Amino acid sequence: MAENRVDFKTQNILVENRNKVTITGVEQVESFNESTIILMTVKGGMTIKGEGLNVGKLNLEDGNIKIDGIINGIFYNSKDSSQKGNLIGKIFK
């Protein structure tokens, strides 16, 4: 259980006027550009799609991120498939 040390935390998403989003329970940011942001959260992988996306505030110690821009969609990936992808990525580093 030590490897899942943040599983007890909740994961929330607050979207304001479709141009600001605050997400809690973020473990890491996999990648980002102005149209796609890929995160790992306590509930699995998450992809935010939009236009002019900008990470305004990121605090991984608290697990919070604030994103500005036009939000077109927020999608979850399963935690199991994300972990398998990370394991394969670590093997080939």
PDB file of N, CA and C in Angstrom:
ATOM      1  N   MET A   1       0.806  -1.208   0.000  1.00  0.00           N
ATOM      2  CA  MET A   1       0.000   0.000   0.000  1.00  0.00           C
ATOM      3  C   MET A   1       0.844   1.265   0.000  1.00  0.00           C
ATOM      4  N   ALA A   2       2.106   1.192   0.329  1.00  0.00           N
ATOM      5  CA  ALA A   2       2.952   2.379   0.377  1.00  0.00           C
ATOM      6  C   ALA A   2       3.064   3.042  -0.990  1.00  0.00           C
ATOM      7  N   GLU A   3       3.012   2.258  -2.082  1.00  0.00           N
ATOM      8  CA  GLU A   3       3.122   2.857  -3.408  1.00  0.00           C
ATOM      9  C   GLU A   3       1.895   3.674  -3.775  1.00  0.00           C
ATOM     10  N   ASN A   4       0.760   3.420  -3.153  1.00  0.00           N
ATOM     11  CA  ASN A   4      -0.472   4.184  -3.400  1.00  0.00           C
ATOM     12  C   ASN A   4      -0.749   5.129  -2.243  1.00  0.00           C
ATOM     13  N   ARG A   5       0.237   5.882  -1.851  1.00  0.00           N
ATOM     14  CA  ARG A   5       0.154   6.701  -0.640  1.00  0.00           C
ATOM     15  C   ARG A   5      -0.899   7.797  -0.704  1.00  0.00           C
ATOM     16  N   VAL A   6      -1.348   8.201  -1.895  1.00  0.00           N
ATOM     17  CA  VAL A   6      -2.320   9.283  -1.987  1.00  0.00           C
ATOM     18  C   VAL A   6      -3.721   8.793  -2.347  1.00  0.00           C
ATOM     19  N   ASP A   7      -3.961   7.476  -2.324  1.00  0.00           N
ATOM     20  CA  ASP A   7      -5.263   6.935  -2.691  1.00  0.00           C
ATOM     21  C   ASP A   7      -6.393   7.407  -1.781  1.00  0.00           C
ATOM     22  N   PHE A   8      -6.073   7.854  -0.575  1.00  0.00           N
ATOM     23  CA  PHE A   8      -7.108   8.267   0.356  1.00  0.00           C
ATOM     24  C   PHE A   8      -7.656   9.653   0.012  1.00  0.00           C
ATOM     25  N   LYS A   9      -6.955  10.401  -0.847  1.00  0.00           N
ATOM     26  CA  LYS A   9      -7.395  11.749  -1.183  1.00  0.00           C
ATOM     27  C   LYS A   9      -8.549  11.710  -2.173  1.00  0.00           C
ATOM     28  N   THR A  10      -9.358  12.747  -2.130  1.00  0.00           N
ATOM     29  CA  THR A  10     -10.440  12.869  -3.093  1.00  0.00           C
ATOM     30  C   THR A  10      -9.939  13.585  -4.335  1.00  0.00           C
ATOM     31  N   GLN A  11     -10.722  13.501  -5.394  1.00  0.00           N
ATOM     32  CA  GLN A  11     -10.376  14.146  -6.650  1.00  0.00           C
ATOM     33  C   GLN A  11     -11.585  14.925  -7.111  1.00  0.00           C
ATOM     34  N   ASN A  12     -11.441  16.251  -7.215  1.00  0.00           N
ATOM     35  CA  ASN A  12     -12.550  17.119  -7.609  1.00  0.00           C
ATOM     36  C   ASN A  12     -12.185  17.926  -8.840  1.00  0.00           C
ATOM     37  N   ILE A  13     -13.222  18.274  -9.604  1.00  0.00           N
ATOM     38  CA  ILE A  13     -13.053  19.128 -10.780  1.00  0.00           C
ATOM     39  C   ILE A  13     -14.084  20.245 -10.676  1.00  0.00           C
ATOM     40  N   LEU A  14     -13.601  21.491 -10.792  1.00  0.00           N
ATOM     41  CA  LEU A  14     -14.498  22.640 -10.804  1.00  0.00           C
ATOM     42  C   LEU A  14     -14.256  23.401 -12.104  1.00  0.00           C
ATOM     43  N   VAL A  15     -15.270  23.449 -12.958  1.00  0.00           N
ATOM     44  CA  VAL A  15     -15.175  24.181 -14.218  1.00  0.00           C
ATOM     45  C   VAL A  15     -16.008  25.456 -14.077  1.00  0.00           C
ATOM     46  N   GLU A  16     -15.356  26.603 -14.344  1.00  0.00           N
ATOM     47  CA  GLU A  16     -16.031  27.893 -14.248  1.00  0.00           C
ATOM     48  C   GLU A  16     -16.170  28.505 -15.639  1.00  0.00           C
ATOM     49  N   ASN A  17     -17.396  28.691 -16.080  1.00  0.00           N
ATOM     50  CA  ASN A  17     -17.696  29.356 -17.352  1.00  0.00           C
ATOM     51  C   ASN A  17     -16.959  28.757 -18.539  1.00  0.00           C
ATOM     52  N   ARG A  18     -16.608  27.520 -18.443  1.00  0.00           N
ATOM     53  CA  ARG A  18     -15.917  26.773 -19.504  1.00  0.00           C
ATOM     54  C   ARG A  18     -14.562  27.366 -19.894  1.00  0.00           C
ATOM     55  N   ASN A  19     -14.030  28.291 -19.081  1.00  0.00           N
ATOM     56  CA  ASN A  19     -12.715  28.859 -19.398  1.00  0.00           C
ATOM     57  C   ASN A  19     -11.721  28.790 -18.241  1.00  0.00           C
ATOM     58  N   LYS A  20     -12.114  28.192 -17.135  1.00  0.00           N
ATOM     59  CA  LYS A  20     -11.206  27.961 -16.010  1.00  0.00           C
ATOM     60  C   LYS A  20     -11.575  26.624 -15.393  1.00  0.00           C
ATOM     61  N   VAL A  21     -10.554  25.837 -15.052  1.00  0.00           N
ATOM     62  CA  VAL A  21     -10.815  24.569 -14.376  1.00  0.00           C
ATOM     63  C   VAL A  21      -9.809  24.415 -13.243  1.00  0.00           C
ATOM     64  N   THR A  22     -10.310  23.990 -12.087  1.00  0.00           N
ATOM     65  CA  THR A  22      -9.477  23.676 -10.937  1.00  0.00           C
ATOM     66  C   THR A  22      -9.654  22.190 -10.649  1.00  0.00           C
ATOM     67  N   ILE A  23      -8.540  21.468 -10.538  1.00  0.00           N
ATOM     68  CA  ILE A  23      -8.588  20.030 -10.311  1.00  0.00           C
ATOM     69  C   ILE A  23      -7.763  19.708  -9.071  1.00  0.00           C
ATOM     70  N   THR A  24      -8.321  18.899  -8.173  1.00  0.00           N
ATOM     71  CA  THR A  24      -7.592  18.429  -7.000  1.00  0.00           C
ATOM     72  C   THR A  24      -7.294  16.947  -7.176  1.00  0.00           C
ATOM     73  N   GLY A  25      -6.378  16.435  -6.375  1.00  0.00           N
ATOM     74  CA  GLY A  25      -6.014  15.025  -6.452  1.00  0.00           C
ATOM     75  C   GLY A  25      -5.035  14.733  -7.581  1.00  0.00           C
ATOM     76  N   VAL A  26      -4.314  15.763  -8.040  1.00  0.00           N
ATOM     77  CA  VAL A  26      -3.355  15.596  -9.134  1.00  0.00           C
ATOM     78  C   VAL A  26      -2.033  15.070  -8.573  1.00  0.00           C
ATOM     79  N   GLU A  27      -1.532  13.994  -9.154  1.00  0.00           N
ATOM     80  CA  GLU A  27      -0.247  13.426  -8.740  1.00  0.00           C
ATOM     81  C   GLU A  27       0.897  13.935  -9.600  1.00  0.00           C
ATOM     82  N   GLN A  28       0.657  14.095 -10.900  1.00  0.00           N
ATOM     83  CA  GLN A  28       1.696  14.626 -11.777  1.00  0.00           C
ATOM     84  C   GLN A  28       1.090  15.088 -13.095  1.00  0.00           C
ATOM     85  N   VAL A  29       1.829  15.946 -13.793  1.00  0.00           N
ATOM     86  CA  VAL A  29       1.460  16.395 -15.127  1.00  0.00           C
ATOM     87  C   VAL A  29       2.333  15.621 -16.110  1.00  0.00           C
ATOM     88  N   GLU A  30       1.705  14.823 -16.953  1.00  0.00           N
ATOM     89  CA  GLU A  30       2.442  14.009 -17.928  1.00  0.00           C
ATOM     90  C   GLU A  30       2.959  14.884 -19.069  1.00  0.00           C
ATOM     91  N   SER A  31       2.072  15.719 -19.630  1.00  0.00           N
ATOM     92  CA  SER A  31       2.459  16.616 -20.716  1.00  0.00           C
ATOM     93  C   SER A  31       1.393  17.686 -20.875  1.00  0.00           C
ATOM     94  N   PHE A  32       1.783  18.795 -21.511  1.00  0.00           N
ATOM     95  CA  PHE A  32       0.792  19.819 -21.798  1.00  0.00           C
ATOM     96  C   PHE A  32       1.247  20.700 -22.954  1.00  0.00           C
ATOM     97  N   ASN A  33       0.249  21.183 -23.691  1.00  0.00           N
ATOM     98  CA  ASN A  33       0.424  22.225 -24.693  1.00  0.00           C
ATOM     99  C   ASN A  33      -0.875  23.010 -24.731  1.00  0.00           C
ATOM    100  N   GLU A  34      -1.049  23.908 -25.673  1.00  0.00           N
ATOM    101  CA  GLU A  34      -2.229  24.767 -25.616  1.00  0.00           C
ATOM    102  C   GLU A  34      -3.529  24.073 -26.027  1.00  0.00           C
ATOM    103  N   SER A  35      -3.448  22.822 -26.509  1.00  0.00           N
ATOM    104  CA  SER A  35      -4.676  22.118 -26.880  1.00  0.00           C
ATOM    105  C   SER A  35      -4.946  20.850 -26.057  1.00  0.00           C
ATOM    106  N   THR A  36      -3.934  20.323 -25.354  1.00  0.00           N
ATOM    107  CA  THR A  36      -4.102  19.081 -24.590  1.00  0.00           C
ATOM    108  C   THR A  36      -3.229  19.102 -23.342  1.00  0.00           C
ATOM    109  N   ILE A  37      -3.833  18.743 -22.210  1.00  0.00           N
ATOM    110  CA  ILE A  37      -3.081  18.574 -20.965  1.00  0.00           C
ATOM    111  C   ILE A  37      -3.381  17.174 -20.456  1.00  0.00           C
ATOM    112  N   ILE A  38      -2.326  16.413 -20.158  1.00  0.00           N
ATOM    113  CA  ILE A  38      -2.480  15.040 -19.673  1.00  0.00           C
ATOM    114  C   ILE A  38      -1.957  14.983 -18.246  1.00  0.00           C
ATOM    115  N   LEU A  39      -2.816  14.544 -17.329  1.00  0.00           N
ATOM    116  CA  LEU A  39      -2.505  14.488 -15.899  1.00  0.00           C
ATOM    117  C   LEU A  39      -2.642  13.069 -15.386  1.00  0.00           C
ATOM    118  N   MET A  40      -1.966  12.788 -14.264  1.00  0.00           N
ATOM    119  CA  MET A  40      -2.212  11.577 -13.505  1.00  0.00           C
ATOM    120  C   MET A  40      -2.839  12.035 -12.189  1.00  0.00           C
ATOM    121  N   THR A  41      -4.015  11.516 -11.884  1.00  0.00           N
ATOM    122  CA  THR A  41      -4.704  11.881 -10.649  1.00  0.00           C
ATOM    123  C   THR A  41      -4.854  10.639  -9.771  1.00  0.00           C
ATOM    124  N   VAL A  42      -5.353  10.841  -8.568  1.00  0.00           N
ATOM    125  CA  VAL A  42      -5.563   9.716  -7.662  1.00  0.00           C
ATOM    126  C   VAL A  42      -6.629   8.758  -8.191  1.00  0.00           C
ATOM    127  N   LYS A  43      -7.417   9.188  -9.163  1.00  0.00           N
ATOM    128  CA  LYS A  43      -8.460   8.344  -9.753  1.00  0.00           C
ATOM    129  C   LYS A  43      -8.081   7.840 -11.132  1.00  0.00           C
ATOM    130  N   GLY A  44      -6.840   8.074 -11.560  1.00  0.00           N
ATOM    131  CA  GLY A  44      -6.381   7.586 -12.856  1.00  0.00           C
ATOM    132  C   GLY A  44      -5.927   8.716 -13.744  1.00  0.00           C
ATOM    133  N   GLY A  45      -5.669   8.370 -15.004  1.00  0.00           N
ATOM    134  CA  GLY A  45      -5.232   9.371 -15.965  1.00  0.00           C
ATOM    135  C   GLY A  45      -6.372  10.283 -16.360  1.00  0.00           C
ATOM    136  N   MET A  46      -6.029  11.514 -16.747  1.00  0.00           N
ATOM    137  CA  MET A  46      -7.033  12.486 -17.153  1.00  0.00           C
ATOM    138  C   MET A  46      -6.463  13.311 -18.302  1.00  0.00           C
ATOM    139  N   THR A  47      -7.287  13.553 -19.303  1.00  0.00           N
ATOM    140  CA  THR A  47      -6.900  14.382 -20.436  1.00  0.00           C
ATOM    141  C   THR A  47      -7.869  15.548 -20.533  1.00  0.00           C
ATOM    142  N   ILE A  48      -7.337  16.758 -20.606  1.00  0.00           N
ATOM    143  CA  ILE A  48      -8.142  17.967 -20.789  1.00  0.00           C
ATOM    144  C   ILE A  48      -7.867  18.468 -22.198  1.00  0.00           C
ATOM    145  N   LYS A  49      -8.921  18.618 -22.985  1.00  0.00           N
ATOM    146  CA  LYS A  49      -8.805  19.121 -24.359  1.00  0.00           C
ATOM    147  C   LYS A  49      -9.407  20.514 -24.407  1.00  0.00           C
ATOM    148  N   GLY A  50      -8.800  21.372 -25.224  1.00  0.00           N
ATOM    149  CA  GLY A  50      -9.334  22.716 -25.357  1.00  0.00           C
ATOM    150  C   GLY A  50      -8.523  23.565 -26.309  1.00  0.00           C
ATOM    151  N   GLU A  51      -8.667  24.883 -26.143  1.00  0.00           N
ATOM    152  CA  GLU A  51      -7.972  25.850 -26.981  1.00  0.00           C
ATOM    153  C   GLU A  51      -7.324  26.890 -26.080  1.00  0.00           C
ATOM    154  N   GLY A  52      -6.080  27.226 -26.363  1.00  0.00           N
ATOM    155  CA  GLY A  52      -5.371  28.229 -25.576  1.00  0.00           C
ATOM    156  C   GLY A  52      -5.195  27.838 -24.126  1.00  0.00           C
ATOM    157  N   LEU A  53      -5.021  26.547 -23.860  1.00  0.00           N
ATOM    158  CA  LEU A  53      -4.886  26.067 -22.479  1.00  0.00           C
ATOM    159  C   LEU A  53      -3.561  26.518 -21.884  1.00  0.00           C
ATOM    160  N   ASN A  54      -3.625  26.936 -20.626  1.00  0.00           N
ATOM    161  CA  ASN A  54      -2.449  27.425 -19.915  1.00  0.00           C
ATOM    162  C   ASN A  54      -2.539  26.964 -18.467  1.00  0.00           C
ATOM    163  N   VAL A  55      -1.462  26.361 -17.967  1.00  0.00           N
ATOM    164  CA  VAL A  55      -1.407  25.962 -16.558  1.00  0.00           C
ATOM    165  C   VAL A  55      -1.072  27.216 -15.763  1.00  0.00           C
ATOM    166  N   GLY A  56      -2.060  27.742 -15.055  1.00  0.00           N
ATOM    167  CA  GLY A  56      -1.871  28.970 -14.296  1.00  0.00           C
ATOM    168  C   GLY A  56      -1.227  28.730 -12.946  1.00  0.00           C
ATOM    169  N   LYS A  57      -1.593  27.639 -12.298  1.00  0.00           N
ATOM    170  CA  LYS A  57      -1.056  27.342 -10.978  1.00  0.00           C
ATOM    171  C   LYS A  57      -0.967  25.831 -10.828  1.00  0.00           C
ATOM    172  N   LEU A  58       0.185  25.363 -10.349  1.00  0.00           N
ATOM    173  CA  LEU A  58       0.388  23.943 -10.132  1.00  0.00           C
ATOM    174  C   LEU A  58       1.069  23.748  -8.794  1.00  0.00           C
ATOM    175  N   ASN A  59       0.456  22.957  -7.921  1.00  0.00           N
ATOM    176  CA  ASN A  59       1.046  22.638  -6.630  1.00  0.00           C
ATOM    177  C   ASN A  59       0.900  21.137  -6.419  1.00  0.00           C
ATOM    178  N   LEU A  60       1.943  20.384  -6.753  1.00  0.00           N
ATOM    179  CA  LEU A  60       1.876  18.928  -6.634  1.00  0.00           C
ATOM    180  C   LEU A  60       1.914  18.453  -5.187  1.00  0.00           C
ATOM    181  N   GLU A  61       2.451  19.270  -4.279  1.00  0.00           N
ATOM    182  CA  GLU A  61       2.435  18.879  -2.863  1.00  0.00           C
ATOM    183  C   GLU A  61       1.008  18.789  -2.344  1.00  0.00           C
ATOM    184  N   ASP A  62       0.155  19.741  -2.769  1.00  0.00           N
ATOM    185  CA  ASP A  62      -1.255  19.725  -2.378  1.00  0.00           C
ATOM    186  C   ASP A  62      -2.120  18.989  -3.395  1.00  0.00           C
ATOM    187  N   GLY A  63      -1.549  18.700  -4.579  1.00  0.00           N
ATOM    188  CA  GLY A  63      -2.299  17.996  -5.617  1.00  0.00           C
ATOM    189  C   GLY A  63      -3.291  18.872  -6.356  1.00  0.00           C
ATOM    190  N   ASN A  64      -3.000  20.176  -6.473  1.00  0.00           N
ATOM    191  CA  ASN A  64      -3.923  21.109  -7.117  1.00  0.00           C
ATOM    192  C   ASN A  64      -3.340  21.684  -8.397  1.00  0.00           C
ATOM    193  N   ILE A  65      -4.217  21.887  -9.393  1.00  0.00           N
ATOM    194  CA  ILE A  65      -3.826  22.550 -10.627  1.00  0.00           C
ATOM    195  C   ILE A  65      -4.968  23.462 -11.061  1.00  0.00           C
ATOM    196  N   LYS A  66      -4.608  24.632 -11.599  1.00  0.00           N
ATOM    197  CA  LYS A  66      -5.586  25.554 -12.173  1.00  0.00           C
ATOM    198  C   LYS A  66      -5.207  25.783 -13.624  1.00  0.00           C
ATOM    199  N   ILE A  67      -6.176  25.634 -14.504  1.00  0.00           N
ATOM    200  CA  ILE A  67      -5.952  25.750 -15.937  1.00  0.00           C
ATOM    201  C   ILE A  67      -6.897  26.801 -16.497  1.00  0.00           C
ATOM    202  N   ASP A  68      -6.358  27.678 -17.356  1.00  0.00           N
ATOM    203  CA  ASP A  68      -7.160  28.688 -18.046  1.00  0.00           C
ATOM    204  C   ASP A  68      -7.200  28.346 -19.528  1.00  0.00           C
ATOM    205  N   GLY A  69      -8.244  28.771 -20.208  1.00  0.00           N
ATOM    206  CA  GLY A  69      -8.407  28.550 -21.644  1.00  0.00           C
ATOM    207  C   GLY A  69      -9.806  28.018 -21.911  1.00  0.00           C
ATOM    208  N   ILE A  70     -10.105  27.780 -23.158  1.00  0.00           N
ATOM    209  CA  ILE A  70     -11.421  27.242 -23.519  1.00  0.00           C
ATOM    210  C   ILE A  70     -11.387  25.726 -23.312  1.00  0.00           C
ATOM    211  N   ILE A  71     -12.245  25.234 -22.422  1.00  0.00           N
ATOM    212  CA  ILE A  71     -12.301  23.811 -22.093  1.00  0.00           C
ATOM    213  C   ILE A  71     -13.324  23.140 -23.006  1.00  0.00           C
ATOM    214  N   ASN A  72     -12.855  22.206 -23.843  1.00  0.00           N
ATOM    215  CA  ASN A  72     -13.750  21.472 -24.750  1.00  0.00           C
ATOM    216  C   ASN A  72     -14.115  20.095 -24.219  1.00  0.00           C
ATOM    217  N   GLY A  73     -13.287  19.531 -23.351  1.00  0.00           N
ATOM    218  CA  GLY A  73     -13.596  18.211 -22.827  1.00  0.00           C
ATOM    219  C   GLY A  73     -12.613  17.771 -21.764  1.00  0.00           C
ATOM    220  N   ILE A  74     -13.104  16.952 -20.843  1.00  0.00           N
ATOM    221  CA  ILE A  74     -12.277  16.347 -19.797  1.00  0.00           C
ATOM    222  C   ILE A  74     -12.586  14.857 -19.822  1.00  0.00           C
ATOM    223  N   PHE A  75     -11.536  14.052 -19.983  1.00  0.00           N
ATOM    224  CA  PHE A  75     -11.706  12.620 -20.153  1.00  0.00           C
ATOM    225  C   PHE A  75     -10.858  11.861 -19.139  1.00  0.00           C
ATOM    226  N   TYR A  76     -11.435  10.792 -18.576  1.00  0.00           N
ATOM    227  CA  TYR A  76     -10.696   9.920 -17.667  1.00  0.00           C
ATOM    228  C   TYR A  76     -10.151   8.718 -18.423  1.00  0.00           C
ATOM    229  N   ASN A  77      -8.966   8.256 -18.025  1.00  0.00           N
ATOM    230  CA  ASN A  77      -8.403   6.989 -18.461  1.00  0.00           C
ATOM    231  C   ASN A  77      -8.353   6.106 -17.228  1.00  0.00           C
ATOM    232  N   SER A  78      -8.395   4.789 -17.400  1.00  0.00           N
ATOM    233  CA  SER A  78      -8.370   3.924 -16.226  1.00  0.00           C
ATOM    234  C   SER A  78      -7.009   3.991 -15.549  1.00  0.00           C
ATOM    235  N   LYS A  79      -6.992   3.906 -14.244  1.00  0.00           N
ATOM    236  CA  LYS A  79      -5.742   3.959 -13.489  1.00  0.00           C
ATOM    237  C   LYS A  79      -4.861   2.761 -13.831  1.00  0.00           C
ATOM    238  N   ASP A  80      -5.460   1.577 -14.066  1.00  0.00           N
ATOM    239  CA  ASP A  80      -4.688   0.384 -14.396  1.00  0.00           C
ATOM    240  C   ASP A  80      -3.922   0.557 -15.700  1.00  0.00           C
ATOM    241  N   SER A  81      -4.579   1.047 -16.758  1.00  0.00           N
ATOM    242  CA  SER A  81      -3.886   1.188 -18.041  1.00  0.00           C
ATOM    243  C   SER A  81      -2.826   2.272 -17.962  1.00  0.00           C
ATOM    244  N   SER A  82      -3.043   3.320 -17.170  1.00  0.00           N
ATOM    245  CA  SER A  82      -2.045   4.372 -17.025  1.00  0.00           C
ATOM    246  C   SER A  82      -0.811   3.833 -16.316  1.00  0.00           C
ATOM    247  N   GLN A  83      -1.010   3.005 -15.308  1.00  0.00           N
ATOM    248  CA  GLN A  83       0.127   2.454 -14.578  1.00  0.00           C
ATOM    249  C   GLN A  83       0.923   1.513 -15.473  1.00  0.00           C
ATOM    250  N   LYS A  84       0.252   0.736 -16.319  1.00  0.00           N
ATOM    251  CA  LYS A  84       0.958  -0.151 -17.234  1.00  0.00           C
ATOM    252  C   LYS A  84       1.794   0.663 -18.203  1.00  0.00           C
ATOM    253  N   GLY A  85       1.250   1.756 -18.712  1.00  0.00           N
ATOM    254  CA  GLY A  85       2.001   2.629 -19.616  1.00  0.00           C
ATOM    255  C   GLY A  85       3.215   3.207 -18.940  1.00  0.00           C
ATOM    256  N   ASN A  86       3.072   3.634 -17.686  1.00  0.00           N
ATOM    257  CA  ASN A  86       4.216   4.192 -16.959  1.00  0.00           C
ATOM    258  C   ASN A  86       5.277   3.135 -16.721  1.00  0.00           C
ATOM    259  N   LEU A  87       4.870   1.899 -16.425  1.00  0.00           N
ATOM    260  CA  LEU A  87       5.836   0.833 -16.185  1.00  0.00           C
ATOM    261  C   LEU A  87       6.646   0.555 -17.445  1.00  0.00           C
ATOM    262  N   ILE A  88       5.970   0.465 -18.576  1.00  0.00           N
ATOM    263  CA  ILE A  88       6.674   0.224 -19.842  1.00  0.00           C
ATOM    264  C   ILE A  88       7.607   1.397 -20.137  1.00  0.00           C
ATOM    265  N   GLY A  89       7.153   2.599 -19.900  1.00  0.00           N
ATOM    266  CA  GLY A  89       8.000   3.777 -20.111  1.00  0.00           C
ATOM    267  C   GLY A  89       9.236   3.743 -19.237  1.00  0.00           C
ATOM    268  N   LYS A  90       9.121   3.280 -18.008  1.00  0.00           N
ATOM    269  CA  LYS A  90      10.264   3.222 -17.106  1.00  0.00           C
ATOM    270  C   LYS A  90      11.263   2.153 -17.533  1.00  0.00           C
ATOM    271  N   ILE A  91      10.758   1.055 -18.081  1.00  0.00           N
ATOM    272  CA  ILE A  91      11.641  -0.026 -18.523  1.00  0.00           C
ATOM    273  C   ILE A  91      12.522   0.441 -19.670  1.00  0.00           C
ATOM    274  N   PHE A  92      11.963   1.245 -20.583  1.00  0.00           N
ATOM    275  CA  PHE A  92      12.696   1.649 -21.772  1.00  0.00           C
ATOM    276  C   PHE A  92      13.431   2.966 -21.634  1.00  0.00           C
ATOM    277  N   LYS A  93      13.493   3.545 -20.431  1.00  0.00           N
ATOM    278  CA  LYS A  93      14.237   4.793 -20.217  1.00  0.00           C
ATOM    279  C   LYS A  93      15.711   4.534 -20.174  1.00  0.00           C
TER     280      LYS A  93
END
